[in-house]
Amino acid sequence: MKKLLVILFLSPLAGYAQEVPDSTFIRQISDDVLRNGRAYDLLRELTKKIGARLSGSPQFARAVQWGEQSMRTLKPDTVFLQSCMLPHWVRGGEDKAEVVAIGNKKQLRSLNVLALGNSLGSGSKGVTGQVLAVADFDELEQRRSEVKGKIVYYNAAFNPTNLRPGKSYGETGIYRRIGASRAAKYGAVAILIRSLTEATDNHPHTGVMAYNDSFPKIPAAALGNRDADYLWNVARQGAPVSVKLTTNGKLLPDTPGHNVIAELRPNTASNEYITIGGHLDSWDVNEGAHDDGTGVVQTMEVLRVFKALGYTPRHNIRFVLFANEENGSRGSAKYMEEAKARGEKHLFALESDAGGFTPRGFGFTAPADVLTKMQPWVELLKPYGVYELTAGGGGADIAPLNTAFGTVLAGFQPDGQRYFDLHHAKTDVFEAVNKRELLLGAINMAALIYLVDKHGL
């Protein structure tokens, strides 16, 4: 009889979340995360013990080992590594720029710069040229006859009237990505851009760029915003301004890397999958705390709380720490390719890659009827900070699933007003993350995954 009582007491745990009201189970998620959550401690380990972890670097390999070991301590049904080849760009040394002349006067004013990711170096002697300062690509085209032999400076700034800075980032990011080749087409010897931020400090922000193989590969770097203002002002006053730029970047052969994947499985065999994840890599100049350490540890926290509450899902849930989001997205491509090769059915994917700030909502790439079906969930999420489920969202690491399978995508949307102050700059460090905000994000992510798993789409 005692054995029977034990069985009766334990057996409901596997399906407990399905037997209680959604609001009750989400409250249990919240209580457990706020009392017992490990995300903040895991973030401290990732940022302080490993730090910067650019794809291809030894630090990234250490991050993979850390991710695998940490996942195993959470006791999922399985943990495995998914191998992929990664690009290996190195900065190669300190990036330097200085104004060497204005008109006939020698000037020696340093400018705070960072080479853009994947850009090639200037050589040890640097590149010196007169600055051609342009507002945008339209002005570059209008003045293309003046470009040869110059260092082109793009002054494209965030539009301050956009209420969501992410929109401004999307609008100006093109100058970072393709600005070098657009200028090299007309004979430029290097480019500088205004950093993609509205931050009032002078820290430059790096980020990935790409070359068009039809044109010379010239050095490319970003200026801190105060120096960007200075260079724009002096260059537009009429007297020729000359700058010397020295960078050391180079591309090494591709190197092996991995996605780190954990799974929770249903009681009965299923070929249907839900994915939740963030990217494990960061740029080389910071600790990658908000980008995307917070997304990594929130993903792990969702796994932890599901195990703590005895939740057995109806679908396979994968918790993925993606490789190489910052400069190639090789990890996400590999994840999609292997899913396709196995004939898996991917229903839903959620990504956290917008920082660990206070929750505000989720954005979806989904058919209109699916988004309409989810709207009642807003009332369940409001107590925890999420007040809207909107069209448009996802993330770079889960986007291939939508292309391959038509998977419904969601992107966690915390308050974004401060994110681009830190994004890709040396200031993206552990100390910039608030523990409670981080945990609230994990609560909402766990709640959304639970609702999708239980009710479907």
Protein backbone atom coordinates (compact mmCIF):
# COMPACT_ATOMS: atom_id res chain seq x y z
CA MET A 1 0.00 0.00 0.00
CA LYS A 2 2.86 2.40 0.85
CA LYS A 3 4.44 1.74 -2.58
CA LEU A 4 1.09 2.46 -4.29
CA LEU A 5 0.77 5.79 -2.45
CA VAL A 6 4.25 6.80 -3.59
CA ILE A 7 3.36 6.00 -7.19
CA LEU A 8 0.11 7.97 -6.95
CA PHE A 9 1.97 10.93 -5.44
CA LEU A 10 4.73 11.03 -8.04
CA SER A 11 2.95 10.11 -11.25
CA PRO A 12 1.00 13.38 -11.75
CA LEU A 13 4.24 15.39 -11.96
CA ALA A 14 4.85 14.44 -15.57
CA GLY A 15 1.60 15.98 -16.69
CA TYR A 16 1.08 18.50 -13.93
CA ALA A 17 1.21 21.61 -16.09
CA GLN A 18 -1.49 20.20 -18.33
CA GLU A 19 -3.79 19.69 -15.32
CA VAL A 20 -3.62 23.14 -13.73
CA PRO A 21 -4.76 26.46 -15.18
CA ASP A 22 -2.18 28.19 -17.36
CA SER A 23 -2.06 31.17 -15.04
CA THR A 24 -1.23 28.90 -12.11
CA PHE A 25 1.59 27.12 -13.87
CA ILE A 26 3.08 30.37 -15.18
CA ARG A 27 3.00 31.75 -11.64
CA GLN A 28 4.86 28.64 -10.49
CA ILE A 29 7.46 29.30 -13.21
CA SER A 30 7.81 32.86 -11.98
CA ASP A 31 8.09 31.95 -8.31
CA ASP A 32 10.72 29.33 -8.96
CA VAL A 33 12.83 31.50 -11.29
CA LEU A 34 12.76 34.47 -8.93
CA ARG A 35 13.66 32.30 -5.93
CA ASN A 36 16.02 29.77 -7.47
CA GLY A 37 17.04 31.08 -10.89
CA ARG A 38 20.65 30.44 -11.92
CA ALA A 39 20.78 32.67 -15.01
CA TYR A 40 22.65 35.52 -13.34
CA ASP A 41 25.28 33.23 -11.83
CA LEU A 42 25.74 31.44 -15.14
CA LEU A 43 26.16 34.78 -16.87
CA ARG A 44 28.86 35.75 -14.40
CA GLU A 45 30.70 32.51 -15.18
CA LEU A 46 30.43 33.01 -18.93
CA THR A 47 31.50 36.65 -18.94
CA LYS A 48 34.11 36.69 -16.18
CA LYS A 49 35.74 33.27 -16.57
CA ILE A 50 35.67 33.19 -20.39
CA GLY A 51 34.88 36.72 -21.54
CA ALA A 52 35.14 37.64 -25.22
CA ARG A 53 34.45 34.60 -27.42
CA LEU A 54 34.66 35.42 -31.10
CA SER A 55 33.92 32.44 -33.36
CA GLY A 56 37.05 30.48 -34.18
CA SER A 57 38.94 31.72 -31.13
CA PRO A 58 40.24 29.56 -28.26
CA GLN A 59 37.83 31.44 -25.99
CA PHE A 60 34.89 30.30 -28.09
CA ALA A 61 36.06 26.70 -27.78
CA ARG A 62 36.16 27.19 -23.99
CA ALA A 63 32.63 28.62 -24.11
CA VAL A 64 31.43 25.48 -25.90
CA GLN A 65 32.94 23.30 -23.17
CA TRP A 66 31.36 25.50 -20.52
CA GLY A 67 27.99 25.38 -22.28
CA GLU A 68 28.02 21.60 -22.56
CA GLN A 69 29.05 21.09 -18.93
CA SER A 70 26.53 23.63 -17.64
CA MET A 71 23.71 22.11 -19.66
CA ARG A 72 24.49 18.68 -18.24
CA THR A 73 24.15 19.95 -14.67
CA LEU A 74 20.54 20.89 -15.51
CA LYS A 75 19.80 17.21 -16.27
CA PRO A 76 17.97 17.37 -19.62
CA ASP A 77 17.18 14.16 -21.47
CA THR A 78 20.26 14.63 -23.63
CA VAL A 79 23.06 17.08 -24.38
CA PHE A 80 25.13 16.95 -27.56
CA LEU A 81 27.45 19.05 -29.68
CA GLN A 82 26.70 19.76 -33.33
CA SER A 83 29.88 20.41 -35.30
CA CYS A 84 30.30 23.09 -37.95
CA MET A 85 33.21 24.95 -39.54
CA LEU A 86 33.57 28.56 -38.41
CA PRO A 87 35.24 31.62 -39.91
CA HIS A 88 38.30 32.77 -37.97
CA TRP A 89 38.92 36.51 -38.17
CA VAL A 90 41.40 38.09 -35.79
CA ARG A 91 41.82 41.78 -34.99
CA GLY A 92 45.57 41.28 -34.86
CA GLY A 93 46.45 44.27 -32.69
CA GLU A 94 45.36 47.72 -31.65
CA ASP A 95 43.33 49.78 -34.12
CA LYS A 96 44.50 53.38 -34.41
CA ALA A 97 43.45 56.52 -36.25
CA GLU A 98 44.60 60.11 -36.02
CA VAL A 99 44.01 63.38 -37.78
CA VAL A 100 47.45 64.24 -39.21
CA ALA A 101 46.63 67.49 -41.03
CA ILE A 102 43.90 70.09 -41.47
CA GLY A 103 44.66 72.34 -44.37
CA ASN A 104 48.33 73.34 -44.16
CA LYS A 105 48.54 72.71 -40.42
CA LYS A 106 49.90 69.51 -38.98
CA GLN A 107 47.47 68.06 -36.48
CA LEU A 108 47.99 65.10 -34.16
CA ARG A 109 44.59 64.27 -32.70
CA SER A 110 43.81 60.63 -31.99
CA LEU A 111 40.43 59.20 -32.98
CA ASN A 112 38.83 56.33 -31.10
CA VAL A 113 38.24 53.53 -33.62
CA LEU A 114 37.59 49.80 -33.92
CA ALA A 115 38.13 47.83 -37.11
CA LEU A 116 34.96 46.23 -38.42
CA GLY A 117 34.73 42.46 -38.14
CA ASN A 118 36.12 40.57 -41.16
CA SER A 119 37.86 43.69 -42.49
CA LEU A 120 41.44 43.31 -43.67
CA GLY A 121 44.26 45.28 -42.14
CA SER A 122 45.99 48.35 -43.47
CA GLY A 123 49.50 46.98 -43.13
CA SER A 124 51.97 48.07 -40.49
CA LYS A 125 52.51 51.49 -42.08
CA GLY A 126 48.80 52.30 -42.07
CA VAL A 127 46.81 54.12 -44.72
CA THR A 128 46.87 57.91 -44.96
CA GLY A 129 44.42 59.87 -47.04
CA GLN A 130 42.31 62.97 -47.27
CA VAL A 131 38.86 62.48 -45.81
CA LEU A 132 35.79 62.66 -48.02
CA ALA A 133 32.91 63.04 -45.56
CA VAL A 134 29.51 62.06 -46.94
CA ALA A 135 26.11 61.81 -45.31
CA ASP A 136 24.99 58.70 -47.17
CA PHE A 137 25.32 56.59 -50.30
CA ASP A 138 23.42 59.15 -52.35
CA GLU A 139 26.05 61.77 -51.61
CA LEU A 140 28.80 59.24 -52.33
CA GLU A 141 27.33 58.71 -55.80
CA GLN A 142 27.03 62.43 -56.39
CA ARG A 143 30.68 62.93 -55.46
CA ARG A 144 32.11 59.72 -56.92
CA SER A 145 34.63 61.67 -59.03
CA GLU A 146 36.24 62.89 -55.77
CA VAL A 147 36.66 59.48 -54.14
CA LYS A 148 39.89 58.13 -55.65
CA GLY A 149 42.71 57.99 -53.10
CA LYS A 150 40.48 59.23 -50.26
CA ILE A 151 39.35 57.81 -46.95
CA VAL A 152 35.56 57.94 -47.15
CA TYR A 153 33.73 58.75 -43.93
CA TYR A 154 30.02 57.87 -43.77
CA ASN A 155 28.19 60.03 -41.23
CA ALA A 156 24.95 58.00 -41.36
CA ALA A 157 23.42 58.35 -37.89
CA PHE A 158 20.50 56.74 -36.08
CA ASN A 159 17.20 58.42 -36.76
CA PRO A 160 16.29 59.74 -33.27
CA THR A 161 12.57 59.85 -34.09
CA ASN A 162 12.32 56.06 -34.31
CA LEU A 163 10.77 55.01 -31.01
CA ARG A 164 12.49 51.63 -31.28
CA PRO A 165 16.25 51.99 -31.79
CA GLY A 166 16.35 48.59 -33.46
CA LYS A 167 14.67 50.16 -36.48
CA SER A 168 17.43 52.77 -36.67
CA TYR A 169 20.03 50.02 -36.42
CA GLY A 170 18.44 48.25 -39.36
CA GLU A 171 18.39 51.43 -41.41
CA THR A 172 22.03 52.42 -40.84
CA GLY A 173 23.58 48.95 -40.69
CA ILE A 174 24.02 48.88 -44.45
CA TYR A 175 26.91 51.35 -44.18
CA ARG A 176 28.80 48.96 -41.93
CA ARG A 177 28.03 45.91 -44.02
CA ILE A 178 28.77 47.14 -47.56
CA GLY A 179 30.17 50.65 -47.18
CA ALA A 180 33.76 49.56 -47.87
CA SER A 181 33.06 48.04 -51.27
CA ARG A 182 30.76 50.88 -52.29
CA ALA A 183 33.65 53.31 -51.70
CA ALA A 184 36.35 50.99 -53.09
CA LYS A 185 34.40 50.87 -56.35
CA TYR A 186 35.45 54.49 -56.95
CA GLY A 187 39.00 54.15 -55.66
CA ALA A 188 38.78 54.84 -51.91
CA VAL A 189 41.73 53.55 -49.86
CA ALA A 190 39.79 53.03 -46.60
CA ILE A 191 36.49 53.89 -44.93
CA LEU A 192 35.33 55.09 -41.55
CA ILE A 193 31.74 54.95 -40.33
CA ARG A 194 29.85 56.50 -37.46
CA SER A 195 29.25 53.73 -34.92
CA LEU A 196 25.77 52.23 -35.02
CA THR A 197 24.59 53.75 -31.76
CA GLU A 198 23.10 56.85 -30.19
CA ALA A 199 25.39 56.49 -27.17
CA THR A 200 26.73 59.79 -25.86
CA ASP A 201 30.13 58.33 -24.96
CA ASN A 202 33.07 57.92 -27.37
CA HIS A 203 33.32 54.12 -27.43
CA PRO A 204 33.36 52.76 -30.99
CA HIS A 205 31.15 49.81 -31.89
CA THR A 206 32.43 47.03 -34.12
CA GLY A 207 30.30 44.56 -36.11
CA VAL A 208 30.45 42.44 -39.21
CA MET A 209 31.14 43.75 -42.70
CA ALA A 210 31.56 42.01 -46.04
CA TYR A 211 33.50 42.66 -49.22
CA ASN A 212 32.30 42.53 -52.80
CA ASP A 213 35.01 40.51 -54.57
CA SER A 214 34.67 42.71 -57.65
CA PHE A 215 36.42 45.60 -55.87
CA PRO A 216 39.60 46.08 -53.79
CA LYS A 217 39.37 45.01 -50.15
CA ILE A 218 40.10 48.17 -48.16
CA PRO A 219 40.36 48.69 -44.37
CA ALA A 220 37.14 49.61 -42.58
CA ALA A 221 36.65 50.96 -39.05
CA ALA A 222 34.02 52.58 -36.84
CA LEU A 223 34.46 55.84 -34.94
CA GLY A 224 33.22 56.63 -31.46
CA ASN A 225 30.35 59.11 -31.71
CA ARG A 226 32.14 62.11 -30.22
CA ASP A 227 35.03 61.69 -32.64
CA ALA A 228 32.51 61.11 -35.42
CA ASP A 229 30.95 64.48 -34.66
CA TYR A 230 34.37 66.12 -34.60
CA LEU A 231 35.48 64.60 -37.92
CA TRP A 232 32.21 65.50 -39.63
CA ASN A 233 32.39 69.08 -38.47
CA VAL A 234 36.00 69.73 -39.47
CA ALA A 235 35.68 67.89 -42.79
CA ARG A 236 32.63 69.94 -43.80
CA GLN A 237 34.28 73.29 -43.02
CA GLY A 238 36.20 73.26 -46.28
CA ALA A 239 39.87 72.79 -45.41
CA PRO A 240 41.27 69.36 -46.44
CA VAL A 241 41.47 66.92 -43.52
CA SER A 242 43.93 64.02 -43.63
CA VAL A 243 43.68 60.93 -41.45
CA LYS A 244 46.02 58.00 -40.88
CA LEU A 245 44.30 54.68 -40.17
CA THR A 246 46.13 51.59 -38.94
CA THR A 247 44.36 48.24 -38.55
CA ASN A 248 45.66 44.68 -38.39
CA GLY A 249 42.73 42.39 -39.16
CA LYS A 250 43.12 39.18 -41.09
CA LEU A 251 41.15 36.08 -41.95
CA LEU A 252 42.66 32.74 -40.95
CA PRO A 253 41.52 29.33 -42.25
CA ASP A 254 38.13 28.11 -41.04
CA THR A 255 38.25 26.24 -37.75
CA PRO A 256 35.97 23.57 -36.19
CA GLY A 257 33.27 24.76 -33.81
CA HIS A 258 29.98 23.58 -32.34
CA ASN A 259 26.41 24.37 -31.45
CA VAL A 260 25.56 23.17 -27.93
CA ILE A 261 22.16 21.46 -27.79
CA ALA A 262 20.08 20.04 -24.94
CA GLU A 263 16.69 18.35 -25.27
CA LEU A 264 13.60 17.66 -23.22
CA ARG A 265 11.49 14.90 -24.74
CA PRO A 266 7.84 13.90 -24.42
CA ASN A 267 6.75 10.58 -22.99
CA THR A 268 5.82 9.28 -26.43
CA ALA A 269 8.07 9.40 -29.48
CA SER A 270 7.61 12.53 -31.58
CA ASN A 271 9.24 14.07 -34.64
CA GLU A 272 7.93 17.57 -33.81
CA TYR A 273 10.28 20.16 -32.38
CA ILE A 274 10.22 23.46 -30.56
CA THR A 275 13.50 25.39 -30.44
CA ILE A 276 14.62 28.04 -27.98
CA GLY A 277 18.06 29.61 -28.10
CA GLY A 278 20.61 32.39 -28.10
CA HIS A 279 24.09 32.69 -29.59
CA LEU A 280 27.20 31.71 -27.66
CA ASP A 281 29.71 33.78 -29.62
CA SER A 282 30.46 37.46 -29.05
CA TRP A 283 32.74 40.11 -30.47
CA ASP A 284 36.34 40.20 -29.32
CA VAL A 285 36.25 43.61 -27.59
CA ASN A 286 33.82 42.88 -24.75
CA GLU A 287 32.31 40.22 -22.50
CA GLY A 288 29.25 39.77 -24.69
CA ALA A 289 26.94 40.11 -21.70
CA HIS A 290 23.80 41.49 -23.36
CA ASP A 291 24.87 40.25 -26.82
CA ASP A 292 24.18 37.47 -26.31
CA GLY A 293 25.17 36.11 -22.94
CA THR A 294 21.74 36.98 -21.59
CA GLY A 295 20.02 35.02 -24.36
CA VAL A 296 22.25 32.02 -23.63
CA VAL A 297 21.57 31.93 -19.90
CA GLN A 298 17.85 32.67 -20.32
CA THR A 299 17.65 29.64 -22.59
CA MET A 300 19.37 27.56 -19.93
CA GLU A 301 17.08 28.98 -17.24
CA VAL A 302 13.99 27.84 -19.15
CA LEU A 303 15.44 24.34 -19.19
CA ARG A 304 16.24 24.54 -15.46
CA VAL A 305 12.76 25.67 -14.41
CA PHE A 306 10.97 23.08 -16.55
CA LYS A 307 13.03 20.38 -14.86
CA ALA A 308 12.48 21.91 -11.42
CA LEU A 309 8.71 21.88 -11.91
CA GLY A 310 8.66 18.35 -13.33
CA TYR A 311 7.34 19.50 -16.69
CA THR A 312 7.22 16.86 -19.42
CA PRO A 313 6.55 18.48 -22.80
CA ARG A 314 4.20 17.31 -25.53
CA HIS A 315 6.82 18.04 -28.18
CA ASN A 316 10.58 17.76 -28.28
CA ILE A 317 12.03 21.00 -26.92
CA ARG A 318 15.56 21.90 -27.96
CA PHE A 319 17.67 24.41 -26.07
CA VAL A 320 20.35 25.65 -28.45
CA LEU A 321 23.47 27.73 -27.86
CA PHE A 322 24.25 28.74 -31.43
CA ALA A 323 27.73 29.24 -32.86
CA ASN A 324 28.84 32.15 -35.05
CA GLU A 325 25.84 34.46 -35.18
CA GLU A 326 28.04 37.56 -35.22
CA ASN A 327 30.10 37.02 -38.35
CA GLY A 328 28.68 34.28 -40.51
CA SER A 329 25.69 32.44 -38.98
CA ARG A 330 27.32 29.09 -39.69
CA GLY A 331 25.79 27.54 -36.56
CA SER A 332 22.22 28.34 -37.53
CA ALA A 333 22.79 27.08 -41.07
CA LYS A 334 24.14 23.79 -39.70
CA TYR A 335 21.22 23.40 -37.30
CA MET A 336 18.74 23.81 -40.15
CA GLU A 337 20.68 21.50 -42.49
CA GLU A 338 20.80 18.66 -39.98
CA ALA A 339 17.14 19.08 -39.07
CA LYS A 340 16.27 18.86 -42.75
CA ALA A 341 18.46 15.82 -43.28
CA ARG A 342 16.70 14.03 -40.41
CA GLY A 343 13.25 14.89 -41.70
CA GLU A 344 12.34 16.71 -38.50
CA LYS A 345 9.21 18.86 -38.23
CA HIS A 346 9.98 22.23 -36.64
CA LEU A 347 6.82 23.91 -35.38
CA PHE A 348 8.10 26.90 -33.42
CA ALA A 349 11.35 28.65 -32.56
CA LEU A 350 12.07 31.41 -30.04
CA GLU A 351 15.26 33.47 -29.90
CA SER A 352 16.56 35.89 -27.30
CA ASP A 353 19.13 38.24 -28.88
CA ALA A 354 18.01 41.74 -27.94
CA GLY A 355 19.59 42.05 -24.50
CA GLY A 356 18.55 41.17 -20.98
CA PHE A 357 16.50 44.27 -20.24
CA THR A 358 12.93 44.52 -18.87
CA PRO A 359 10.45 42.43 -20.88
CA ARG A 360 8.06 44.26 -23.19
CA GLY A 361 6.76 41.73 -25.74
CA PHE A 362 7.42 39.13 -28.39
CA GLY A 363 7.54 39.68 -32.14
CA PHE A 364 6.43 36.90 -34.48
CA THR A 365 6.97 35.73 -38.02
CA ALA A 366 3.71 33.84 -38.34
CA PRO A 367 0.51 33.65 -40.40
CA ALA A 368 -2.10 36.19 -39.34
CA ASP A 369 -4.46 33.53 -37.98
CA VAL A 370 -1.72 32.12 -35.74
CA LEU A 371 -0.93 35.55 -34.34
CA THR A 372 -4.63 36.13 -33.72
CA LYS A 373 -4.90 32.80 -31.89
CA MET A 374 -2.09 33.80 -29.54
CA GLN A 375 -3.50 37.20 -28.55
CA PRO A 376 -5.38 35.90 -25.45
CA TRP A 377 -1.99 34.86 -24.06
CA VAL A 378 -1.14 38.51 -23.52
CA GLU A 379 -3.35 38.55 -20.42
CA LEU A 380 -1.37 35.62 -18.99
CA LEU A 381 1.95 37.37 -19.61
CA LYS A 382 1.05 40.90 -18.52
CA PRO A 383 1.79 40.33 -14.82
CA TYR A 384 5.37 39.53 -15.82
CA GLY A 385 5.94 42.53 -18.08
CA VAL A 386 4.92 41.41 -21.57
CA TYR A 387 2.08 43.49 -22.94
CA GLU A 388 2.09 42.79 -26.69
CA LEU A 389 2.48 40.00 -29.22
CA THR A 390 3.14 41.68 -32.54
CA ALA A 391 3.84 40.79 -36.16
CA GLY A 392 7.48 40.92 -37.21
CA GLY A 393 10.20 39.20 -35.26
CA GLY A 394 12.43 36.20 -34.81
CA GLY A 395 16.21 36.25 -35.03
CA ALA A 396 19.17 35.46 -37.24
CA ASP A 397 19.75 32.03 -35.71
CA ILE A 398 16.21 30.74 -36.17
CA ALA A 399 15.42 32.44 -39.49
CA PRO A 400 16.66 29.44 -41.57
CA LEU A 401 13.99 27.27 -39.93
CA ASN A 402 11.28 29.49 -41.33
CA THR A 403 12.85 29.31 -44.80
CA ALA A 404 13.22 25.53 -44.69
CA PHE A 405 10.10 24.46 -42.80
CA GLY A 406 7.78 27.44 -42.55
CA THR A 407 8.46 27.38 -38.80
CA VAL A 408 6.68 30.05 -36.76
CA LEU A 409 9.35 32.32 -35.29
CA ALA A 410 9.36 34.55 -32.24
CA GLY A 411 11.88 37.04 -30.93
CA PHE A 412 11.95 38.11 -27.29
CA GLN A 413 11.58 41.91 -27.17
CA PRO A 414 12.85 43.55 -23.99
CA ASP A 415 12.96 47.32 -23.58
CA GLY A 416 15.39 48.35 -26.31
CA GLN A 417 16.22 51.94 -25.45
CA ARG A 418 19.65 51.15 -23.96
CA TYR A 419 20.66 48.09 -25.96
CA PHE A 420 22.53 49.87 -28.75
CA ASP A 421 24.44 51.99 -26.25
CA LEU A 422 26.33 48.77 -25.42
CA HIS A 423 25.95 46.64 -28.54
CA HIS A 424 29.34 45.59 -30.02
CA ALA A 425 31.23 48.03 -27.76
CA LYS A 426 33.64 47.38 -24.91
CA THR A 427 30.91 48.44 -22.45
CA ASP A 428 28.85 45.26 -23.00
CA VAL A 429 29.95 43.66 -19.74
CA PHE A 430 28.37 41.68 -16.90
CA GLU A 431 27.97 44.75 -14.71
CA ALA A 432 25.58 46.25 -17.28
CA VAL A 433 23.02 43.46 -16.69
CA ASN A 434 20.36 43.72 -13.99
CA LYS A 435 19.58 40.40 -12.33
CA ARG A 436 15.84 40.91 -11.93
CA GLU A 437 15.35 42.12 -15.48
CA LEU A 438 17.29 39.09 -16.72
CA LEU A 439 15.13 36.68 -14.71
CA LEU A 440 11.88 38.32 -15.79
CA GLY A 441 12.89 37.73 -19.39
CA ALA A 442 13.49 34.05 -18.67
CA ILE A 443 10.06 33.79 -16.99
CA ASN A 444 8.29 35.13 -20.06
CA MET A 445 10.30 32.95 -22.43
CA ALA A 446 9.44 29.86 -20.37
CA ALA A 447 5.78 30.87 -20.28
CA LEU A 448 5.60 31.32 -24.05
CA ILE A 449 7.30 27.97 -24.73
CA TYR A 450 4.92 26.30 -22.30
CA LEU A 451 1.84 27.84 -23.96
CA VAL A 452 2.97 26.85 -27.45
CA ASP A 453 3.84 23.33 -26.30
CA LYS A 454 0.53 22.82 -24.51
CA HIS A 455 -1.91 24.53 -26.88
CA GLY A 456 -0.17 24.37 -30.25
CA LEU A 457 -0.35 27.03 -32.95
